[in-house]
Structure formats: C-alpha cells, structure tokens
Amino acid sequence: MTPGLRPLRILHVCRRYAPFAGGTERYVRDLAMAQAEQGHRVTVLTLDHDITGGRSGRLPSRELLGKVEIIRLPGVGNRRIALTFRPDRLARAVREHDITHLHDVRFGLALIAVVARLGRRPWILHTHGLIFHESPHGSFRRAATRYGIGPLLRFGRANVIASSD
C-alpha cells in the first residue's frame, strides 16, 4: 500500500466461496488474500451453503480466513441463479465498504447496482465469463444482457472486467 493512504475497505461478493473449490472461488480467494496482505480491510460476502449441491449443510455465518473476513448469508439457488434471504445485510455491506467487487451477475446484481448508485459507491463487475461464454441459450443470453443486465450496469455506473471473449 502507498504510504500516507488509508487502507481501503474492499467487499467481494460471490455466490460460492471457500471451502468450495472452483476457478472463480480460487480467483476471489487469491485476490482477497493479496489485498489483505497489502493492508486493506477485505470482506467476502457469499451464501452459507453450496448452491451447486456438491456439499450439504450450512457454513458459519462469519469466519476469518487469514486476514479476510467471510460473511455468509442464508439464501437459495442453483447452478443458474442465487438469492439471499437477507438483502438488507448485502445492501449494508455495500454501503459500509469503499468499493464492491461483484464476481457473478447471477447473485446480487440489481441490489448492488441500485445501492452503489444511490450511495455513490464505486463497484466492479467481473464476469469471469460465466453466462457470457456459455453456448446454450444464446438468444436468451443476448436478451438478458440487452434488457436486464446492460441497463442495470449503466444505471449503477459499473466498471466491468470481462475476462473472456
């Protein structure tokens, strides 16, 4: 971290996180740990269970992994979409952090876009490919992007990182 600057409060939002393994989960873990090692206050907000069905049971609602705080919210979901039963806690976390980094359009996109815009908080959407690189449902994907995701990103003034074609 640059001398003289205060540490950032960084919030990462993703549907699945440690102990679950996968490409996005590993990316978020490595990024969060590196940011925490640089002296930033890093929080990962995720769901409290494996929505893909690979592991049953609930995980602790709060946990510290190294220097990274994990907040897990109750919710429902599957491989395609996820929702939290505590949108108030997600909204509060966005307001309490200097920047939010959303790692999946299928979890919290609309809420984060609105809360970040109204609270004048910067945020980043990192697509990690996700629905944008899946070949099935091409016309649905285009319509969802044009009429749903796109307007939300514009309204929320998102900064987008697209890591696949």
N, C-alpha and C. Protein backbone atom coordinates (compact mmCIF):
# COMPACT_ATOMS: atom_id res chain seq x y z
N MET A 1 0.84 -1.17 0.00
CA MET A 1 0.00 0.00 0.00
C MET A 1 0.89 1.23 0.00
N THR A 2 0.45 2.27 -0.67
CA THR A 2 1.19 3.52 -0.76
C THR A 2 1.21 4.22 0.60
N PRO A 3 2.41 4.63 1.06
CA PRO A 3 2.48 5.34 2.34
C PRO A 3 1.61 6.59 2.34
N GLY A 4 0.95 6.84 3.45
CA GLY A 4 0.12 8.03 3.59
C GLY A 4 -1.34 7.81 3.20
N LEU A 5 -1.66 6.74 2.50
CA LEU A 5 -3.04 6.46 2.13
C LEU A 5 -3.65 5.49 3.13
N ARG A 6 -4.92 5.70 3.43
CA ARG A 6 -5.58 4.79 4.36
C ARG A 6 -5.95 3.50 3.63
N PRO A 7 -6.03 2.40 4.35
CA PRO A 7 -6.44 1.14 3.73
C PRO A 7 -7.86 1.23 3.20
N LEU A 8 -8.12 0.61 2.07
CA LEU A 8 -9.47 0.55 1.53
C LEU A 8 -10.26 -0.54 2.23
N ARG A 9 -11.56 -0.32 2.33
CA ARG A 9 -12.49 -1.37 2.77
C ARG A 9 -13.06 -1.98 1.50
N ILE A 10 -12.63 -3.20 1.19
CA ILE A 10 -12.98 -3.85 -0.07
C ILE A 10 -13.96 -4.99 0.20
N LEU A 11 -15.06 -5.02 -0.55
CA LEU A 11 -16.06 -6.07 -0.44
C LEU A 11 -16.08 -6.88 -1.73
N HIS A 12 -15.87 -8.18 -1.61
CA HIS A 12 -16.02 -9.10 -2.73
C HIS A 12 -17.34 -9.85 -2.53
N VAL A 13 -18.16 -9.93 -3.57
CA VAL A 13 -19.44 -10.62 -3.50
C VAL A 13 -19.44 -11.75 -4.52
N CYS A 14 -19.71 -12.97 -4.05
CA CYS A 14 -19.79 -14.12 -4.94
C CYS A 14 -20.75 -15.15 -4.34
N ARG A 15 -21.31 -15.99 -5.20
CA ARG A 15 -22.29 -16.99 -4.74
C ARG A 15 -21.66 -18.09 -3.91
N ARG A 16 -20.46 -18.49 -4.28
CA ARG A 16 -19.75 -19.58 -3.60
C ARG A 16 -18.36 -19.10 -3.23
N TYR A 17 -17.88 -19.57 -2.10
CA TYR A 17 -16.53 -19.22 -1.66
C TYR A 17 -16.02 -20.36 -0.79
N ALA A 18 -14.81 -20.24 -0.32
CA ALA A 18 -14.17 -21.27 0.49
C ALA A 18 -15.13 -21.77 1.56
N PRO A 19 -15.19 -23.04 1.76
CA PRO A 19 -14.22 -24.06 1.37
C PRO A 19 -14.46 -24.67 -0.01
N PHE A 20 -15.38 -24.13 -0.77
CA PHE A 20 -15.67 -24.71 -2.08
C PHE A 20 -14.57 -24.35 -3.06
N ALA A 21 -14.31 -25.24 -3.99
CA ALA A 21 -13.23 -25.05 -4.95
C ALA A 21 -13.79 -24.86 -6.34
N GLY A 22 -13.17 -23.98 -7.08
CA GLY A 22 -13.54 -23.71 -8.46
C GLY A 22 -12.71 -22.54 -8.95
N GLY A 23 -12.80 -22.23 -10.21
CA GLY A 23 -11.99 -21.16 -10.77
C GLY A 23 -12.29 -19.80 -10.18
N THR A 24 -13.56 -19.43 -10.11
CA THR A 24 -13.92 -18.13 -9.54
C THR A 24 -13.61 -18.09 -8.06
N GLU A 25 -13.90 -19.19 -7.36
CA GLU A 25 -13.62 -19.24 -5.92
C GLU A 25 -12.14 -19.04 -5.64
N ARG A 26 -11.30 -19.68 -6.43
CA ARG A 26 -9.85 -19.53 -6.24
C ARG A 26 -9.39 -18.12 -6.59
N TYR A 27 -9.94 -17.56 -7.67
CA TYR A 27 -9.58 -16.20 -8.07
C TYR A 27 -9.92 -15.21 -6.95
N VAL A 28 -11.14 -15.31 -6.43
CA VAL A 28 -11.57 -14.39 -5.37
C VAL A 28 -10.69 -14.57 -4.14
N ARG A 29 -10.41 -15.83 -3.77
CA ARG A 29 -9.55 -16.09 -2.60
C ARG A 29 -8.17 -15.47 -2.78
N ASP A 30 -7.55 -15.71 -3.93
CA ASP A 30 -6.20 -15.18 -4.15
C ASP A 30 -6.18 -13.66 -4.17
N LEU A 31 -7.17 -13.06 -4.81
CA LEU A 31 -7.25 -11.60 -4.87
C LEU A 31 -7.49 -11.01 -3.49
N ALA A 32 -8.45 -11.58 -2.76
CA ALA A 32 -8.77 -11.08 -1.42
C ALA A 32 -7.57 -11.20 -0.48
N MET A 33 -6.89 -12.33 -0.53
CA MET A 33 -5.72 -12.53 0.34
C MET A 33 -4.60 -11.55 -0.02
N ALA A 34 -4.37 -11.33 -1.30
CA ALA A 34 -3.33 -10.40 -1.72
C ALA A 34 -3.67 -8.97 -1.28
N GLN A 35 -4.94 -8.58 -1.40
CA GLN A 35 -5.34 -7.25 -0.97
C GLN A 35 -5.20 -7.10 0.54
N ALA A 36 -5.57 -8.13 1.28
CA ALA A 36 -5.42 -8.08 2.74
C ALA A 36 -3.95 -7.99 3.13
N GLU A 37 -3.10 -8.71 2.44
CA GLU A 37 -1.65 -8.65 2.71
C GLU A 37 -1.09 -7.26 2.42
N GLN A 38 -1.72 -6.53 1.51
CA GLN A 38 -1.29 -5.16 1.21
C GLN A 38 -1.79 -4.17 2.26
N GLY A 39 -2.57 -4.65 3.23
CA GLY A 39 -3.03 -3.79 4.32
C GLY A 39 -4.46 -3.33 4.21
N HIS A 40 -5.19 -3.78 3.20
CA HIS A 40 -6.59 -3.38 3.05
C HIS A 40 -7.49 -4.25 3.95
N ARG A 41 -8.65 -3.71 4.29
CA ARG A 41 -9.65 -4.47 5.05
C ARG A 41 -10.56 -5.16 4.04
N VAL A 42 -10.48 -6.46 3.95
CA VAL A 42 -11.14 -7.21 2.89
C VAL A 42 -12.20 -8.13 3.47
N THR A 43 -13.38 -8.08 2.88
CA THR A 43 -14.50 -8.92 3.26
C THR A 43 -15.01 -9.64 2.03
N VAL A 44 -15.34 -10.91 2.19
CA VAL A 44 -16.01 -11.67 1.13
C VAL A 44 -17.41 -11.99 1.63
N LEU A 45 -18.43 -11.61 0.86
CA LEU A 45 -19.80 -11.90 1.20
C LEU A 45 -20.32 -12.95 0.23
N THR A 46 -20.88 -14.02 0.76
CA THR A 46 -21.29 -15.17 -0.04
C THR A 46 -22.48 -15.83 0.62
N LEU A 47 -22.95 -16.93 0.05
CA LEU A 47 -24.03 -17.69 0.65
C LEU A 47 -23.49 -18.70 1.65
N ASP A 48 -24.36 -19.16 2.54
CA ASP A 48 -23.91 -20.02 3.64
C ASP A 48 -23.94 -21.52 3.33
N HIS A 49 -24.14 -21.86 2.06
CA HIS A 49 -24.16 -23.27 1.68
C HIS A 49 -23.77 -23.41 0.21
N ASP A 50 -23.54 -24.64 -0.19
CA ASP A 50 -23.14 -24.90 -1.56
C ASP A 50 -24.38 -25.02 -2.44
N ILE A 51 -24.65 -24.00 -3.22
CA ILE A 51 -25.85 -23.99 -4.06
C ILE A 51 -25.75 -24.94 -5.24
N THR A 52 -24.55 -25.45 -5.53
CA THR A 52 -24.42 -26.39 -6.64
C THR A 52 -24.73 -27.81 -6.20
N GLY A 53 -24.94 -28.04 -4.91
CA GLY A 53 -25.31 -29.35 -4.41
C GLY A 53 -24.15 -30.29 -4.15
N GLY A 54 -22.93 -29.81 -4.25
CA GLY A 54 -21.77 -30.66 -4.04
C GLY A 54 -21.52 -31.02 -2.58
N ARG A 55 -22.00 -30.18 -1.68
CA ARG A 55 -21.78 -30.41 -0.25
C ARG A 55 -23.02 -29.95 0.50
N SER A 56 -23.49 -30.76 1.42
CA SER A 56 -24.68 -30.39 2.18
C SER A 56 -24.29 -29.69 3.47
N GLY A 57 -25.27 -29.06 4.09
CA GLY A 57 -25.04 -28.40 5.37
C GLY A 57 -24.75 -26.91 5.21
N ARG A 58 -24.85 -26.23 6.33
CA ARG A 58 -24.62 -24.78 6.38
C ARG A 58 -23.24 -24.50 6.95
N LEU A 59 -22.66 -23.42 6.49
CA LEU A 59 -21.36 -22.97 6.99
C LEU A 59 -21.57 -21.85 8.00
N PRO A 60 -20.56 -21.54 8.81
CA PRO A 60 -20.70 -20.45 9.79
C PRO A 60 -21.05 -19.12 9.12
N SER A 61 -21.86 -18.31 9.79
CA SER A 61 -22.27 -17.03 9.22
C SER A 61 -21.12 -16.03 9.15
N ARG A 62 -20.13 -16.18 10.01
CA ARG A 62 -18.94 -15.34 9.98
C ARG A 62 -17.71 -16.20 10.23
N GLU A 63 -16.64 -15.84 9.55
CA GLU A 63 -15.40 -16.59 9.69
C GLU A 63 -14.26 -15.69 9.26
N LEU A 64 -13.11 -15.93 9.83
CA LEU A 64 -11.90 -15.23 9.43
C LEU A 64 -10.94 -16.25 8.83
N LEU A 65 -10.61 -16.07 7.56
CA LEU A 65 -9.64 -16.93 6.88
C LEU A 65 -8.41 -16.09 6.61
N GLY A 66 -7.38 -16.30 7.39
CA GLY A 66 -6.22 -15.42 7.30
C GLY A 66 -6.64 -14.03 7.74
N LYS A 67 -6.42 -13.05 6.89
CA LYS A 67 -6.80 -11.67 7.19
C LYS A 67 -8.09 -11.26 6.48
N VAL A 68 -8.79 -12.22 5.90
CA VAL A 68 -10.01 -11.95 5.14
C VAL A 68 -11.23 -12.36 5.94
N GLU A 69 -12.16 -11.43 6.14
CA GLU A 69 -13.40 -11.73 6.83
C GLU A 69 -14.40 -12.31 5.83
N ILE A 70 -15.05 -13.42 6.22
CA ILE A 70 -16.06 -14.04 5.38
C ILE A 70 -17.41 -13.84 6.06
N ILE A 71 -18.36 -13.30 5.31
CA ILE A 71 -19.74 -13.18 5.78
C ILE A 71 -20.59 -14.06 4.88
N ARG A 72 -21.32 -14.98 5.50
CA ARG A 72 -22.17 -15.90 4.74
C ARG A 72 -23.63 -15.63 5.08
N LEU A 73 -24.44 -15.45 4.05
CA LEU A 73 -25.85 -15.15 4.23
C LEU A 73 -26.71 -16.34 3.84
N PRO A 74 -27.88 -16.49 4.49
CA PRO A 74 -28.79 -17.53 4.07
C PRO A 74 -29.41 -17.17 2.72
N GLY A 75 -29.78 -18.18 1.97
CA GLY A 75 -30.40 -17.94 0.68
C GLY A 75 -30.72 -19.23 -0.03
N VAL A 76 -31.09 -19.11 -1.29
CA VAL A 76 -31.40 -20.26 -2.13
C VAL A 76 -30.72 -20.06 -3.48
N GLY A 77 -30.61 -21.15 -4.20
CA GLY A 77 -30.04 -21.03 -5.53
C GLY A 77 -29.76 -22.37 -6.15
N ASN A 78 -29.25 -22.30 -7.34
CA ASN A 78 -28.82 -23.48 -8.06
C ASN A 78 -27.67 -23.07 -8.97
N ARG A 79 -27.35 -23.87 -9.95
CA ARG A 79 -26.22 -23.54 -10.83
C ARG A 79 -26.47 -22.28 -11.66
N ARG A 80 -27.71 -21.88 -11.82
CA ARG A 80 -28.03 -20.74 -12.69
C ARG A 80 -28.23 -19.41 -11.97
N ILE A 81 -28.77 -19.44 -10.75
CA ILE A 81 -29.08 -18.17 -10.07
C ILE A 81 -29.08 -18.40 -8.56
N ALA A 82 -28.89 -17.32 -7.83
CA ALA A 82 -28.91 -17.40 -6.36
C ALA A 82 -29.49 -16.12 -5.78
N LEU A 83 -30.18 -16.27 -4.67
CA LEU A 83 -30.79 -15.15 -3.96
C LEU A 83 -30.48 -15.28 -2.48
N THR A 84 -30.32 -14.17 -1.81
CA THR A 84 -30.16 -14.20 -0.37
C THR A 84 -31.48 -13.83 0.29
N PHE A 85 -31.74 -14.43 1.44
CA PHE A 85 -32.90 -14.06 2.24
C PHE A 85 -32.63 -12.80 3.06
N ARG A 86 -31.39 -12.30 3.01
CA ARG A 86 -31.01 -11.11 3.77
C ARG A 86 -30.43 -10.02 2.86
N PRO A 87 -31.25 -9.50 1.94
CA PRO A 87 -30.75 -8.44 1.07
C PRO A 87 -30.36 -7.19 1.86
N ASP A 88 -30.96 -7.01 3.04
CA ASP A 88 -30.61 -5.86 3.88
C ASP A 88 -29.14 -5.92 4.30
N ARG A 89 -28.66 -7.12 4.60
CA ARG A 89 -27.25 -7.26 5.02
C ARG A 89 -26.31 -7.06 3.83
N LEU A 90 -26.72 -7.50 2.65
CA LEU A 90 -25.92 -7.26 1.45
C LEU A 90 -25.86 -5.76 1.17
N ALA A 91 -27.00 -5.09 1.23
CA ALA A 91 -27.03 -3.64 0.99
C ALA A 91 -26.18 -2.89 2.01
N ARG A 92 -26.27 -3.28 3.26
CA ARG A 92 -25.46 -2.62 4.30
C ARG A 92 -23.98 -2.81 4.04
N ALA A 93 -23.59 -4.01 3.62
CA ALA A 93 -22.18 -4.27 3.34
C ALA A 93 -21.68 -3.39 2.19
N VAL A 94 -22.49 -3.21 1.16
CA VAL A 94 -22.09 -2.33 0.05
C VAL A 94 -21.89 -0.91 0.55
N ARG A 95 -22.81 -0.43 1.38
CA ARG A 95 -22.71 0.93 1.92
C ARG A 95 -21.50 1.10 2.83
N GLU A 96 -21.11 0.05 3.55
CA GLU A 96 -20.03 0.15 4.53
C GLU A 96 -18.63 0.01 3.93
N HIS A 97 -18.52 -0.37 2.68
CA HIS A 97 -17.22 -0.58 2.05
C HIS A 97 -16.92 0.52 1.04
N ASP A 98 -15.64 0.76 0.82
CA ASP A 98 -15.23 1.79 -0.13
C ASP A 98 -15.46 1.37 -1.58
N ILE A 99 -15.37 0.09 -1.84
CA ILE A 99 -15.58 -0.44 -3.18
C ILE A 99 -16.11 -1.86 -3.08
N THR A 100 -17.00 -2.19 -4.00
CA THR A 100 -17.57 -3.55 -4.07
C THR A 100 -17.14 -4.18 -5.37
N HIS A 101 -16.72 -5.43 -5.29
CA HIS A 101 -16.30 -6.20 -6.46
C HIS A 101 -17.23 -7.40 -6.57
N LEU A 102 -18.18 -7.34 -7.50
CA LEU A 102 -19.14 -8.42 -7.72
C LEU A 102 -18.55 -9.39 -8.72
N HIS A 103 -18.57 -10.67 -8.39
CA HIS A 103 -17.94 -11.69 -9.22
C HIS A 103 -18.92 -12.58 -9.95
N ASP A 104 -20.20 -12.22 -9.96
CA ASP A 104 -21.18 -13.08 -10.63
C ASP A 104 -22.48 -12.31 -10.85
N VAL A 105 -22.90 -12.16 -12.11
CA VAL A 105 -24.14 -11.44 -12.40
C VAL A 105 -25.36 -12.17 -11.87
N ARG A 106 -25.19 -13.42 -11.48
CA ARG A 106 -26.33 -14.23 -11.02
C ARG A 106 -26.58 -14.11 -9.53
N PHE A 107 -25.93 -13.17 -8.87
CA PHE A 107 -26.12 -13.01 -7.42
C PHE A 107 -25.94 -11.54 -7.03
N GLY A 108 -27.04 -10.88 -6.73
CA GLY A 108 -26.98 -9.55 -6.15
C GLY A 108 -26.79 -8.40 -7.11
N LEU A 109 -26.83 -8.64 -8.41
CA LEU A 109 -26.53 -7.59 -9.38
C LEU A 109 -27.44 -6.37 -9.23
N ALA A 110 -28.75 -6.57 -9.24
CA ALA A 110 -29.67 -5.44 -9.19
C ALA A 110 -29.52 -4.66 -7.88
N LEU A 111 -29.46 -5.37 -6.78
CA LEU A 111 -29.34 -4.71 -5.48
C LEU A 111 -28.04 -3.91 -5.38
N ILE A 112 -26.94 -4.50 -5.80
CA ILE A 112 -25.65 -3.80 -5.74
C ILE A 112 -25.66 -2.58 -6.65
N ALA A 113 -26.22 -2.72 -7.86
CA ALA A 113 -26.27 -1.58 -8.79
C ALA A 113 -27.04 -0.41 -8.18
N VAL A 114 -28.18 -0.68 -7.58
CA VAL A 114 -29.01 0.38 -7.01
C VAL A 114 -28.35 0.98 -5.77
N VAL A 115 -27.91 0.14 -4.84
CA VAL A 115 -27.31 0.64 -3.59
C VAL A 115 -26.03 1.41 -3.87
N ALA A 116 -25.20 0.90 -4.77
CA ALA A 116 -23.94 1.59 -5.10
C ALA A 116 -24.23 2.94 -5.75
N ARG A 117 -25.18 2.98 -6.65
CA ARG A 117 -25.51 4.25 -7.33
C ARG A 117 -26.06 5.26 -6.33
N LEU A 118 -27.04 4.85 -5.54
CA LEU A 118 -27.65 5.79 -4.59
C LEU A 118 -26.66 6.21 -3.50
N GLY A 119 -25.77 5.30 -3.12
CA GLY A 119 -24.79 5.61 -2.08
C GLY A 119 -23.49 6.19 -2.63
N ARG A 120 -23.46 6.40 -3.95
CA ARG A 120 -22.26 6.94 -4.61
C ARG A 120 -21.02 6.12 -4.26
N ARG A 121 -21.16 4.80 -4.33
CA ARG A 121 -20.06 3.88 -4.07
C ARG A 121 -19.61 3.26 -5.39
N PRO A 122 -18.32 3.26 -5.65
CA PRO A 122 -17.84 2.60 -6.87
C PRO A 122 -17.94 1.08 -6.74
N TRP A 123 -18.15 0.43 -7.88
CA TRP A 123 -18.19 -1.02 -7.86
C TRP A 123 -17.72 -1.56 -9.19
N ILE A 124 -17.32 -2.81 -9.13
CA ILE A 124 -16.76 -3.51 -10.28
C ILE A 124 -17.57 -4.79 -10.48
N LEU A 125 -17.91 -5.08 -11.72
CA LEU A 125 -18.45 -6.39 -12.07
C LEU A 125 -17.37 -7.14 -12.83
N HIS A 126 -17.01 -8.28 -12.33
CA HIS A 126 -16.05 -9.15 -13.00
C HIS A 126 -16.83 -10.34 -13.53
N THR A 127 -16.93 -10.47 -14.84
CA THR A 127 -17.80 -11.51 -15.40
C THR A 127 -17.23 -12.90 -15.27
N HIS A 128 -15.92 -13.06 -15.26
CA HIS A 128 -15.29 -14.38 -15.24
C HIS A 128 -15.85 -15.28 -16.34
N GLY A 129 -16.39 -14.69 -17.39
CA GLY A 129 -17.01 -15.47 -18.46
C GLY A 129 -18.45 -15.78 -18.13
N LEU A 130 -18.64 -16.66 -17.17
CA LEU A 130 -19.95 -17.09 -16.67
C LEU A 130 -20.97 -17.25 -17.79
N ILE A 131 -22.13 -16.62 -17.66
CA ILE A 131 -23.17 -16.84 -18.66
C ILE A 131 -22.76 -16.31 -20.03
N PHE A 132 -21.77 -15.46 -20.09
CA PHE A 132 -21.40 -14.86 -21.36
C PHE A 132 -20.59 -15.80 -22.25
N HIS A 133 -20.03 -16.86 -21.69
CA HIS A 133 -19.27 -17.77 -22.53
C HIS A 133 -19.95 -19.12 -22.72
N GLU A 134 -21.15 -19.25 -22.20
CA GLU A 134 -21.90 -20.48 -22.37
C GLU A 134 -22.61 -20.46 -23.72
N SER A 135 -22.49 -21.53 -24.48
CA SER A 135 -23.09 -21.55 -25.81
C SER A 135 -24.60 -21.78 -25.82
N PRO A 136 -25.18 -22.60 -24.93
CA PRO A 136 -26.63 -22.78 -24.98
C PRO A 136 -27.37 -21.49 -24.63
N HIS A 137 -28.57 -21.39 -25.10
CA HIS A 137 -29.45 -20.27 -24.78
C HIS A 137 -28.89 -18.93 -25.25
N GLY A 138 -28.28 -18.91 -26.43
CA GLY A 138 -27.67 -17.69 -26.94
C GLY A 138 -28.64 -16.54 -27.07
N SER A 139 -29.85 -16.79 -27.58
CA SER A 139 -30.80 -15.69 -27.75
C SER A 139 -31.29 -15.19 -26.39
N PHE A 140 -31.48 -16.10 -25.43
CA PHE A 140 -31.86 -15.68 -24.08
C PHE A 140 -30.75 -14.83 -23.45
N ARG A 141 -29.52 -15.27 -23.62
CA ARG A 141 -28.38 -14.56 -23.05
C ARG A 141 -28.30 -13.15 -23.64
N ARG A 142 -28.46 -13.04 -24.95
CA ARG A 142 -28.42 -11.71 -25.58
C ARG A 142 -29.54 -10.81 -25.07
N ALA A 143 -30.76 -11.36 -24.95
CA ALA A 143 -31.88 -10.57 -24.46
C ALA A 143 -31.67 -10.16 -23.00
N ALA A 144 -31.19 -11.10 -22.18
CA ALA A 144 -30.94 -10.78 -20.77
C ALA A 144 -29.90 -9.68 -20.64
N THR A 145 -28.87 -9.75 -21.47
CA THR A 145 -27.83 -8.73 -21.42
C THR A 145 -28.37 -7.38 -21.89
N ARG A 146 -29.10 -7.38 -22.98
CA ARG A 146 -29.58 -6.13 -23.56
C ARG A 146 -30.65 -5.44 -22.70
N TYR A 147 -31.59 -6.23 -22.17
CA TYR A 147 -32.73 -5.63 -21.48
C TYR A 147 -32.68 -5.72 -19.96
N GLY A 148 -31.78 -6.50 -19.41
CA GLY A 148 -31.69 -6.64 -17.96
C GLY A 148 -30.34 -6.23 -17.42
N ILE A 149 -29.34 -7.01 -17.75
CA ILE A 149 -28.00 -6.77 -17.20
C ILE A 149 -27.44 -5.43 -17.67
N GLY A 150 -27.53 -5.16 -18.96
CA GLY A 150 -26.98 -3.91 -19.51
C GLY A 150 -27.55 -2.67 -18.85
N PRO A 151 -28.88 -2.53 -18.79
CA PRO A 151 -29.44 -1.35 -18.13
C PRO A 151 -29.04 -1.23 -16.65
N LEU A 152 -28.95 -2.36 -15.95
CA LEU A 152 -28.52 -2.31 -14.55
C LEU A 152 -27.08 -1.82 -14.43
N LEU A 153 -26.23 -2.30 -15.33
CA LEU A 153 -24.83 -1.87 -15.29
C LEU A 153 -24.70 -0.38 -15.60
N ARG A 154 -25.48 0.09 -16.57
CA ARG A 154 -25.44 1.52 -16.90
C ARG A 154 -26.00 2.36 -15.75
N PHE A 155 -27.15 1.96 -15.20
CA PHE A 155 -27.73 2.70 -14.09
C PHE A 155 -26.77 2.76 -12.91
N GLY A 156 -26.18 1.61 -12.60
CA GLY A 156 -25.28 1.53 -11.45
C GLY A 156 -23.90 2.09 -11.70
N ARG A 157 -23.64 2.51 -12.94
CA ARG A 157 -22.33 3.03 -13.32
C ARG A 157 -21.21 2.05 -12.97
N ALA A 158 -21.43 0.80 -13.37
CA ALA A 158 -20.47 -0.26 -13.07
C ALA A 158 -19.21 -0.12 -13.90
N ASN A 159 -18.13 -0.55 -13.32
CA ASN A 159 -16.88 -0.76 -14.05
C ASN A 159 -16.84 -2.25 -14.31
N VAL A 160 -16.68 -2.65 -15.57
CA VAL A 160 -16.77 -4.06 -15.93
C VAL A 160 -15.42 -4.61 -16.33
N ILE A 161 -15.09 -5.76 -15.76
CA ILE A 161 -13.91 -6.52 -16.16
C ILE A 161 -14.43 -7.79 -16.82
N ALA A 162 -14.16 -7.95 -18.10
CA ALA A 162 -14.57 -9.15 -18.82
C ALA A 162 -13.32 -9.99 -19.07
N SER A 163 -13.27 -11.16 -18.46
CA SER A 163 -12.05 -11.97 -18.57
C SER A 163 -12.18 -13.10 -19.58
N SER A 164 -13.15 -13.00 -20.49
CA SER A 164 -13.24 -13.94 -21.60
C SER A 164 -13.85 -13.19 -22.79
N ASP A 165 -13.68 -13.76 -23.97
CA ASP A 165 -14.25 -13.13 -25.16
C ASP A 165 -15.77 -13.07 -25.07
